[in-house]
C-alpha atoms as a PDB file:
ATOM      1  CA  MET A   1       0.000   0.000   0.000  1.00  0.00           C
ATOM      2  CA  ILE A   2       1.141   3.519  -0.770  1.00  0.00           C
ATOM      3  CA  LYS A   3       2.356   5.584   2.185  1.00  0.00           C
ATOM      4  CA  VAL A   4       1.040   9.085   2.752  1.00  0.00           C
ATOM      5  CA  SER A   5       4.542  10.138   3.733  1.00  0.00           C
ATOM      6  CA  ASP A   6       6.015   9.013   0.380  1.00  0.00           C
ATOM      7  CA  PRO A   7       8.180  12.006  -0.688  1.00  0.00           C
ATOM      8  CA  LYS A   8       7.286  11.324  -4.319  1.00  0.00           C
ATOM      9  CA  PHE A   9       3.812  12.632  -3.597  1.00  0.00           C
ATOM     10  CA  LYS A  10       4.470  15.855  -1.741  1.00  0.00           C
ATOM     11  CA  LYS A  11       1.423  17.852  -0.717  1.00  0.00           C
ATOM     12  CA  ASP A  12       0.907  21.216  -2.411  1.00  0.00           C
ATOM     13  CA  ALA A  13       0.068  23.926   0.137  1.00  0.00           C
ATOM     14  CA  SER A  14      -1.054  26.447  -2.508  1.00  0.00           C
ATOM     15  CA  LEU A  15      -3.621  24.007  -3.893  1.00  0.00           C
ATOM     16  CA  GLU A  16      -4.878  23.290  -0.378  1.00  0.00           C
ATOM     17  CA  VAL A  17      -5.440  27.012   0.235  1.00  0.00           C
ATOM     18  CA  LYS A  18      -7.433  27.409  -2.995  1.00  0.00           C
ATOM     19  CA  LEU A  19      -9.584  24.391  -2.195  1.00  0.00           C
ATOM     20  CA  ALA A  20     -10.183  25.463   1.395  1.00  0.00           C
ATOM     21  CA  GLN A  21     -11.426  28.834   0.136  1.00  0.00           C
ATOM     22  CA  THR A  22     -13.960  27.298  -2.256  1.00  0.00           C
ATOM     23  CA  ILE A  23     -15.110  24.580   0.157  1.00  0.00           C
ATOM     24  CA  GLY A  24     -15.729  27.142   2.893  1.00  0.00           C
ATOM     25  CA  ASP A  25     -17.568  25.846   5.952  1.00  0.00           C
ATOM     26  CA  CYS A  26     -18.850  22.637   4.330  1.00  0.00           C
ATOM     27  CA  PRO A  27     -18.051  19.654   6.608  1.00  0.00           C
ATOM     28  CA  LEU A  28     -17.177  17.458   3.629  1.00  0.00           C
ATOM     29  CA  GLY A  29     -13.764  18.420   2.325  1.00  0.00           C
ATOM     30  CA  LYS A  30     -11.994  18.824   5.655  1.00  0.00           C
ATOM     31  CA  PRO A  31      -9.185  18.244   6.141  1.00  0.00           C
ATOM     32  CA  VAL A  32      -7.895  18.581   2.592  1.00  0.00           C
ATOM     33  CA  HIS A  33      -4.813  16.826   1.223  1.00  0.00           C
ATOM     34  CA  ALA A  34      -3.931  18.263  -2.207  1.00  0.00           C
ATOM     35  CA  PHE A  35      -1.249  17.133  -4.611  1.00  0.00           C
ATOM     36  CA  ALA A  36       0.054  18.338  -7.952  1.00  0.00           C
ATOM     37  CA  SER A  37       0.460  14.660  -8.850  1.00  0.00           C
ATOM     38  CA  VAL A  38      -0.345  11.388  -7.109  1.00  0.00           C
ATOM     39  CA  SER A  39      -0.584   7.745  -8.131  1.00  0.00           C
ATOM     40  CA  SER A  40      -4.303   7.641  -7.372  1.00  0.00           C
ATOM     41  CA  THR A  41      -6.443   9.634  -4.956  1.00  0.00           C
ATOM     42  CA  MET A  42      -8.157   6.365  -4.021  1.00  0.00           C
ATOM     43  CA  ASP A  43      -4.827   4.779  -3.082  1.00  0.00           C
ATOM     44  CA  MET A  44      -4.108   7.776  -0.884  1.00  0.00           C
ATOM     45  CA  ALA A  45      -7.616   7.621   0.602  1.00  0.00           C
ATOM     46  CA  HIS A  46      -7.118   3.971   1.564  1.00  0.00           C
ATOM     47  CA  ALA A  47      -3.845   4.872   3.286  1.00  0.00           C
ATOM     48  CA  LEU A  48      -5.368   7.806   5.171  1.00  0.00           C
ATOM     49  CA  ALA A  49      -8.433   5.795   6.183  1.00  0.00           C
ATOM     50  CA  ALA A  50      -6.155   3.096   7.607  1.00  0.00           C
ATOM     51  CA  GLU A  51      -4.422   5.810   9.653  1.00  0.00           C
ATOM     52  CA  GLY A  52      -7.778   6.916  11.105  1.00  0.00           C
ATOM     53  CA  ALA A  53      -8.475  10.001   8.994  1.00  0.00           C
ATOM     54  CA  PRO A  54     -11.816  11.589   9.990  1.00  0.00           C
ATOM     55  CA  GLU A  55     -14.999  11.524   7.959  1.00  0.00           C
ATOM     56  CA  GLY A  56     -14.989  14.276   5.371  1.00  0.00           C
ATOM     57  CA  THR A  57     -11.279  14.023   4.555  1.00  0.00           C
ATOM     58  CA  LEU A  58     -10.653  15.143   0.967  1.00  0.00           C
ATOM     59  CA  ILE A  59      -7.813  13.938  -1.234  1.00  0.00           C
ATOM     60  CA  TRP A  60      -7.413  16.032  -4.410  1.00  0.00           C
ATOM     61  CA  ALA A  61      -4.916  15.899  -7.254  1.00  0.00           C
ATOM     62  CA  ALA A  62      -4.254  17.941 -10.379  1.00  0.00           C
ATOM     63  CA  ARG A  63      -3.264  14.714 -12.147  1.00  0.00           C
ATOM     64  CA  GLN A  64      -3.033  10.991 -11.406  1.00  0.00           C
ATOM     65  CA  GLU A  65      -0.369   8.608 -12.595  1.00  0.00           C
ATOM     66  CA  LYS A  66      -2.486   5.482 -12.130  1.00  0.00           C
ATOM     67  CA  GLY A  67      -6.103   6.611 -11.980  1.00  0.00           C
ATOM     68  CA  ARG A  68      -8.569   3.737 -11.907  1.00  0.00           C
ATOM     69  CA  GLY A  69     -12.271   3.126 -12.195  1.00  0.00           C
ATOM     70  CA  ARG A  70     -14.663   0.311 -11.440  1.00  0.00           C
ATOM     71  CA  LEU A  71     -13.542  -3.276 -12.141  1.00  0.00           C
ATOM     72  CA  GLY A  72      -9.913  -2.123 -12.267  1.00  0.00           C
ATOM     73  CA  ARG A  73     -10.347  -0.137 -15.461  1.00  0.00           C
ATOM     74  CA  THR A  74      -7.843   2.644 -16.154  1.00  0.00           C
ATOM     75  CA  TRP A  75      -9.039   6.243 -15.763  1.00  0.00           C
ATOM     76  CA  VAL A  76      -6.884   8.518 -17.913  1.00  0.00           C
ATOM     77  CA  SER A  77      -6.018  11.442 -15.633  1.00  0.00           C
ATOM     78  CA  PRO A  78      -3.974  14.205 -17.297  1.00  0.00           C
ATOM     79  CA  GLU A  79      -3.882  17.754 -15.993  1.00  0.00           C
ATOM     80  CA  GLY A  80      -7.123  19.586 -16.611  1.00  0.00           C
ATOM     81  CA  GLY A  81      -9.390  17.351 -14.576  1.00  0.00           C
ATOM     82  CA  VAL A  82     -10.818  17.189 -11.088  1.00  0.00           C
ATOM     83  CA  TYR A  83      -9.598  14.036  -9.362  1.00  0.00           C
ATOM     84  CA  LEU A  84     -10.715  13.595  -5.787  1.00  0.00           C
ATOM     85  CA  SER A  85     -11.585  11.057  -3.133  1.00  0.00           C
ATOM     86  CA  LEU A  86     -13.581  11.528   0.060  1.00  0.00           C
ATOM     87  CA  ILE A  87     -13.505   9.413   3.190  1.00  0.00           C
ATOM     88  CA  LEU A  88     -16.915   8.688   4.726  1.00  0.00           C
ATOM     89  CA  ARG A  89     -17.920   6.617   7.728  1.00  0.00           C
ATOM     90  CA  PRO A  90     -21.633   5.990   7.073  1.00  0.00           C
ATOM     91  CA  LYS A  91     -23.940   4.616   9.732  1.00  0.00           C
ATOM     92  CA  ARG A  92     -26.188   2.583   7.468  1.00  0.00           C
ATOM     93  CA  PRO A  93     -26.284  -1.151   6.690  1.00  0.00           C
ATOM     94  CA  THR A  94     -23.422  -2.410   4.556  1.00  0.00           C
ATOM     95  CA  THR A  95     -25.963  -3.717   2.042  1.00  0.00           C
ATOM     96  CA  GLU A  96     -26.804  -0.096   1.205  1.00  0.00           C
ATOM     97  CA  ILE A  97     -23.251   1.156   0.633  1.00  0.00           C
ATOM     98  CA  SER A  98     -23.448   0.653  -3.151  1.00  0.00           C
ATOM     99  CA  GLN A  99     -26.199   3.303  -3.217  1.00  0.00           C
ATOM    100  CA  LEU A 100     -23.515   5.918  -2.542  1.00  0.00           C
ATOM    101  CA  SER A 101     -22.435   5.634  -6.175  1.00  0.00           C
ATOM    102  CA  LEU A 102     -25.794   7.124  -7.186  1.00  0.00           C
ATOM    103  CA  VAL A 103     -25.766   9.597  -4.283  1.00  0.00           C
ATOM    104  CA  ALA A 104     -22.410  10.850  -5.571  1.00  0.00           C
ATOM    105  CA  GLY A 105     -23.586  10.800  -9.182  1.00  0.00           C
ATOM    106  CA  LEU A 106     -26.562  13.004  -8.362  1.00  0.00           C
ATOM    107  CA  SER A 107     -24.345  15.387  -6.389  1.00  0.00           C
ATOM    108  CA  VAL A 108     -21.778  15.733  -9.165  1.00  0.00           C
ATOM    109  CA  ALA A 109     -24.413  16.186 -11.873  1.00  0.00           C
ATOM    110  CA  GLN A 110     -26.060  18.986  -9.919  1.00  0.00           C
ATOM    111  CA  ALA A 111     -22.688  20.574  -9.169  1.00  0.00           C
ATOM    112  CA  VAL A 112     -21.679  20.553 -12.841  1.00  0.00           C
ATOM    113  CA  GLN A 113     -24.975  22.185 -13.801  1.00  0.00           C
ATOM    114  CA  ALA A 114     -24.671  24.805 -11.046  1.00  0.00           C
ATOM    115  CA  VAL A 115     -21.154  25.820 -12.079  1.00  0.00           C
ATOM    116  CA  THR A 116     -21.374  25.499 -15.873  1.00  0.00           C
ATOM    117  CA  SER A 117     -25.115  25.217 -16.840  1.00  0.00           C
ATOM    118  CA  LEU A 118     -24.250  21.891 -18.510  1.00  0.00           C
ATOM    119  CA  MET A 119     -26.693  19.088 -17.648  1.00  0.00           C
ATOM    120  CA  PRO A 120     -24.990  15.685 -17.861  1.00  0.00           C
ATOM    121  CA  SER A 121     -26.991  12.468 -17.740  1.00  0.00           C
ATOM    122  CA  ILE A 122     -26.248   9.728 -15.222  1.00  0.00           C
ATOM    123  CA  ARG A 123     -25.582   6.308 -16.718  1.00  0.00           C
ATOM    124  CA  TRP A 124     -26.345   3.752 -14.030  1.00  0.00           C
ATOM    125  CA  PRO A 125     -24.537   3.031 -11.845  1.00  0.00           C
ATOM    126  CA  ASN A 126     -21.479   5.289 -11.896  1.00  0.00           C
ATOM    127  CA  ASP A 127     -20.889   7.430 -14.999  1.00  0.00           C
ATOM    128  CA  LEU A 128     -21.917  10.914 -16.123  1.00  0.00           C
ATOM    129  CA  LEU A 129     -22.307  11.438 -19.859  1.00  0.00           C
ATOM    130  CA  VAL A 130     -22.545  14.374 -22.234  1.00  0.00           C
ATOM    131  CA  ASN A 131     -23.641  13.541 -25.777  1.00  0.00           C
ATOM    132  CA  ASP A 132     -23.152   9.827 -24.962  1.00  0.00           C
ATOM    133  CA  ARG A 133     -19.491  10.362 -24.051  1.00  0.00           C
ATOM    134  CA  LYS A 134     -18.084   9.933 -20.566  1.00  0.00           C
ATOM    135  CA  LEU A 135     -17.533  13.133 -18.600  1.00  0.00           C
ATOM    136  CA  CYS A 136     -17.172  11.680 -15.114  1.00  0.00           C
ATOM    137  CA  GLY A 137     -16.617   8.350 -13.415  1.00  0.00           C
ATOM    138  CA  ILE A 138     -17.374   7.438  -9.812  1.00  0.00           C
ATOM    139  CA  LEU A 139     -15.828   4.669  -7.735  1.00  0.00           C
ATOM    140  CA  VAL A 140     -17.016   3.481  -4.297  1.00  0.00           C
ATOM    141  CA  GLU A 141     -14.861   1.171  -2.163  1.00  0.00           C
ATOM    142  CA  ALA A 142     -15.227  -0.003   1.444  1.00  0.00           C
ATOM    143  CA  GLU A 143     -12.266  -0.144   3.807  1.00  0.00           C
ATOM    144  CA  GLN A 144     -12.660  -1.480   7.378  1.00  0.00           C
ATOM    145  CA  GLY A 145     -15.617   0.679   8.386  1.00  0.00           C
ATOM    146  CA  SER A 146     -14.817   3.498   5.977  1.00  0.00           C
ATOM    147  CA  VAL A 147     -16.297   4.136   2.563  1.00  0.00           C
ATOM    148  CA  LEU A 148     -14.143   5.857  -0.026  1.00  0.00           C
ATOM    149  CA  ILE A 149     -15.751   7.745  -2.907  1.00  0.00           C
ATOM    150  CA  GLY A 150     -13.538   8.508  -5.886  1.00  0.00           C
ATOM    151  CA  ILE A 151     -14.634  11.064  -8.492  1.00  0.00           C
ATOM    152  CA  GLY A 152     -12.859  11.870 -11.743  1.00  0.00           C
ATOM    153  CA  ILE A 153     -14.175  14.664 -14.001  1.00  0.00           C
ATOM    154  CA  ASN A 154     -12.729  15.872 -17.295  1.00  0.00           C
ATOM    155  CA  VAL A 155     -12.883  19.648 -16.899  1.00  0.00           C
ATOM    156  CA  SER A 156     -10.483  21.559 -19.139  1.00  0.00           C
ATOM    157  CA  THR A 157      -8.813  18.494 -20.632  1.00  0.00           C
ATOM    158  CA  PRO A 158      -8.414  18.765 -24.421  1.00  0.00           C
ATOM    159  CA  ILE A 159     -10.252  16.036 -26.328  1.00  0.00           C
ATOM    160  CA  ALA A 160      -6.959  14.934 -27.903  1.00  0.00           C
ATOM    161  CA  ALA A 161      -5.696  13.924 -24.440  1.00  0.00           C
ATOM    162  CA  LEU A 162      -8.726  11.720 -23.693  1.00  0.00           C
ATOM    163  CA  PRO A 163      -9.861   8.286 -24.887  1.00  0.00           C
ATOM    164  CA  PRO A 164     -12.330   8.361 -27.818  1.00  0.00           C
ATOM    165  CA  GLU A 165     -15.294   7.485 -25.584  1.00  0.00           C
ATOM    166  CA  ALA A 166     -14.643  10.452 -23.262  1.00  0.00           C
ATOM    167  CA  THR A 167     -15.391  14.169 -23.343  1.00  0.00           C
ATOM    168  CA  SER A 168     -14.759  17.219 -21.162  1.00  0.00           C
ATOM    169  CA  ILE A 169     -16.511  20.378 -20.046  1.00  0.00           C
ATOM    170  CA  LEU A 170     -14.066  22.284 -22.244  1.00  0.00           C
ATOM    171  CA  ALA A 171     -15.259  20.308 -25.279  1.00  0.00           C
ATOM    172  CA  ALA A 172     -18.784  21.575 -24.603  1.00  0.00           C
ATOM    173  CA  GLY A 173     -17.432  25.103 -25.005  1.00  0.00           C
ATOM    174  CA  LEU A 174     -18.037  26.071 -21.390  1.00  0.00           C
ATOM    175  CA  PRO A 175     -15.598  27.616 -18.905  1.00  0.00           C
ATOM    176  CA  CYS A 176     -15.184  25.860 -15.569  1.00  0.00           C
ATOM    177  CA  ASP A 177     -13.024  26.572 -12.532  1.00  0.00           C
ATOM    178  CA  ALA A 178     -11.838  23.242 -11.098  1.00  0.00           C
ATOM    179  CA  TYR A 179     -11.658  24.629  -7.559  1.00  0.00           C
ATOM    180  CA  LEU A 180     -15.167  26.112  -7.639  1.00  0.00           C
ATOM    181  CA  LEU A 181     -16.470  22.821  -9.031  1.00  0.00           C
ATOM    182  CA  THR A 182     -14.792  20.888  -6.231  1.00  0.00           C
ATOM    183  CA  GLY A 183     -16.378  23.126  -3.598  1.00  0.00           C
ATOM    184  CA  GLU A 184     -19.805  22.742  -5.193  1.00  0.00           C
ATOM    185  CA  ILE A 185     -19.406  18.954  -5.302  1.00  0.00           C
ATOM    186  CA  CYS A 186     -18.595  18.910  -1.584  1.00  0.00           C
ATOM    187  CA  ARG A 187     -21.677  20.998  -0.752  1.00  0.00           C
ATOM    188  CA  ARG A 188     -24.037  18.954  -2.931  1.00  0.00           C
ATOM    189  CA  LEU A 189     -22.665  15.677  -1.626  1.00  0.00           C
ATOM    190  CA  GLN A 190     -22.969  16.914   1.957  1.00  0.00           C
ATOM    191  CA  LYS A 191     -26.662  17.591   1.320  1.00  0.00           C
ATOM    192  CA  TRP A 192     -27.471  14.254  -0.321  1.00  0.00           C
ATOM    193  CA  TYR A 193     -25.252  12.217   1.990  1.00  0.00           C
ATOM    194  CA  ALA A 194     -27.128  13.696   4.969  1.00  0.00           C
ATOM    195  CA  ALA A 195     -30.472  12.904   3.313  1.00  0.00           C
ATOM    196  CA  TRP A 196     -29.379   9.346   2.553  1.00  0.00           C
ATOM    197  CA  THR A 197     -28.020   8.874   6.082  1.00  0.00           C
ATOM    198  CA  SER A 198     -31.259   9.981   7.745  1.00  0.00           C
ATOM    199  CA  LYS A 199     -33.909   8.807   5.258  1.00  0.00           C
ATOM    200  CA  GLY A 200     -32.300   6.136   3.115  1.00  0.00           C
ATOM    201  CA  PHE A 201     -32.389   5.966  -0.660  1.00  0.00           C
ATOM    202  CA  ALA A 202     -36.005   7.116  -1.187  1.00  0.00           C
ATOM    203  CA  PRO A 203     -35.365  10.898  -1.499  1.00  0.00           C
ATOM    204  CA  VAL A 204     -32.291  10.270  -3.650  1.00  0.00           C
ATOM    205  CA  ARG A 205     -34.294   8.050  -6.006  1.00  0.00           C
ATOM    206  CA  VAL A 206     -36.887  10.794  -6.512  1.00  0.00           C
ATOM    207  CA  ALA A 207     -34.225  13.452  -7.155  1.00  0.00           C
ATOM    208  CA  LEU A 208     -32.392  11.200  -9.619  1.00  0.00           C
ATOM    209  CA  ARG A 209     -35.283  10.902 -12.069  1.00  0.00           C
ATOM    210  CA  PRO A 210     -34.505  13.977 -14.229  1.00  0.00           C
ATOM    211  CA  TRP A 211     -30.852  12.972 -14.442  1.00  0.00           C
ATOM    212  CA  ILE A 212     -30.882   9.240 -15.175  1.00  0.00           C
ATOM    213  CA  GLY A 213     -30.365   8.288 -18.810  1.00  0.00           C
ATOM    214  CA  GLY A 214     -30.586   4.912 -20.492  1.00  0.00           C
ATOM    215  CA  PHE A 215     -34.083   3.870 -19.472  1.00  0.00           C
ATOM    216  CA  GLY A 216     -35.607   2.127 -22.441  1.00  0.00           C
ATOM    217  CA  GLY A 217     -32.190   0.908 -23.578  1.00  0.00           C
ATOM    218  CA  PRO A 218     -31.006  -2.695 -23.899  1.00  0.00           C
ATOM    219  CA  VAL A 219     -28.985  -4.464 -21.207  1.00  0.00           C
ATOM    220  CA  ARG A 220     -27.354  -7.855 -20.826  1.00  0.00           C
ATOM    221  CA  ILE A 221     -27.641  -9.674 -17.503  1.00  0.00           C
ATOM    222  CA  THR A 222     -25.037 -12.144 -16.248  1.00  0.00           C
ATOM    223  CA  ALA A 223     -26.260 -14.306 -13.377  1.00  0.00           C
ATOM    224  CA  GLY A 224     -23.711 -17.029 -12.766  1.00  0.00           C
ATOM    225  CA  ALA A 225     -23.393 -19.014 -15.989  1.00  0.00           C
ATOM    226  CA  THR A 226     -26.697 -17.650 -17.312  1.00  0.00           C
ATOM    227  CA  GLU A 227     -26.969 -14.667 -19.632  1.00  0.00           C
ATOM    228  CA  MET A 228     -30.211 -12.801 -20.352  1.00  0.00           C
ATOM    229  CA  GLU A 229     -31.146  -9.635 -22.198  1.00  0.00           C
ATOM    230  CA  GLY A 230     -33.837  -7.085 -21.537  1.00  0.00           C
ATOM    231  CA  ILE A 231     -34.748  -3.404 -21.377  1.00  0.00           C
ATOM    232  CA  ALA A 232     -33.791  -1.087 -18.486  1.00  0.00           C
ATOM    233  CA  THR A 233     -36.953   0.520 -17.116  1.00  0.00           C
ATOM    234  CA  ASP A 234     -36.280   2.182 -13.750  1.00  0.00           C
ATOM    235  CA  LEU A 235     -34.499   2.016 -10.396  1.00  0.00           C
ATOM    236  CA  ASP A 236     -35.994   0.042  -7.537  1.00  0.00           C
ATOM    237  CA  ASP A 237     -36.244   1.267  -3.946  1.00  0.00           C
ATOM    238  CA  SER A 238     -32.648   0.257  -3.213  1.00  0.00           C
ATOM    239  CA  GLY A 239     -31.015   1.680  -6.358  1.00  0.00           C
ATOM    240  CA  ARG A 240     -30.857  -1.594  -8.276  1.00  0.00           C
ATOM    241  CA  LEU A 241     -31.712  -1.529 -11.974  1.00  0.00           C
ATOM    242  CA  LEU A 242     -35.162  -2.750 -12.945  1.00  0.00           C
ATOM    243  CA  VAL A 243     -35.063  -4.720 -16.182  1.00  0.00           C
ATOM    244  CA  ARG A 244     -37.909  -6.086 -18.284  1.00  0.00           C
ATOM    245  CA  LEU A 245     -36.531  -9.384 -19.538  1.00  0.00           C
ATOM    246  CA  ASP A 246     -37.359 -10.769 -22.955  1.00  0.00           C
ATOM    247  CA  SER A 247     -39.742 -13.122 -21.136  1.00  0.00           C
ATOM    248  CA  GLY A 248     -41.754 -10.086 -19.987  1.00  0.00           C
ATOM    249  CA  ILE A 249     -40.814 -10.499 -16.329  1.00  0.00           C
ATOM    250  CA  VAL A 250     -39.449  -7.389 -14.547  1.00  0.00           C
ATOM    251  CA  ARG A 251     -36.576  -8.056 -12.137  1.00  0.00           C
ATOM    252  CA  SER A 252     -34.010  -5.941 -10.305  1.00  0.00           C
ATOM    253  CA  PHE A 253     -30.266  -6.463 -10.676  1.00  0.00           C
ATOM    254  CA  GLY A 254     -27.173  -5.108  -8.949  1.00  0.00           C
ATOM    255  CA  MET A 255     -24.274  -3.318 -10.603  1.00  0.00           C
ATOM    256  CA  GLY A 256     -22.073  -6.407 -10.858  1.00  0.00           C
ATOM    257  CA  GLU A 257     -24.682  -8.261 -12.917  1.00  0.00           C
ATOM    258  CA  VAL A 258     -25.584  -5.779 -15.655  1.00  0.00           C
ATOM    259  CA  THR A 259     -23.856  -4.677 -18.846  1.00  0.00           C
ATOM    260  CA  LEU A 260     -25.431  -1.757 -20.663  1.00  0.00           C
ATOM    261  CA  LEU A 261     -25.603  -2.314 -24.414  1.00  0.00           C
ATOM    262  CA  ARG A 262     -25.438   0.395 -27.064  1.00  0.00           C
END
């Protein structure tokens, strides 16, 4: 495991000051650990969580050397993005932790709209899209009582520096301050995390409706050795994807079982 004290990843005090100013008095985002470059903010979050870092701790980097997404996929992380992880210590059943991917997705989508007027769609369970190209990815991992939320957003990254399936806020022709966006994400996530903590997924599910894309689209289900196909129709009460199978039966499936088809 990476060590926080690794001199290769020296904290950047000037970045921390800028972030502290935009985060203000929001509980999420404190304390802040900011780096010009780091292997992965999630790696650093795991290390800090193991050392007992408090809930709300923010790890932020201007670039990542080994950014990663769900299922170990690589997240290309050149300068021009917002790359952050937050340490949470939720007091809800472990069976509900996966819902935080959608809680974070809603928070980021609203933050992007508030700062830029751009309205991305949320592709269940963990991506934000603009014109069917990936703008943001979200990763949720549990670590001995902590939950780590990783968020990567392409802000001012030129299209030429991104994979062909990705896009950035810059590509939409809109200006965006990475520090202001980070502060807005912290405030939105604070709001929806508090709602989820006290009331569960129900209020989040209602708020997600204008943002979720892909309903009516085809999906493939893998359940053990069995594969099925159907149409995504909605989210159930726990954030699982409701799918109308070719047989006509509607069932809910978790994120590890579903592949969205294009």
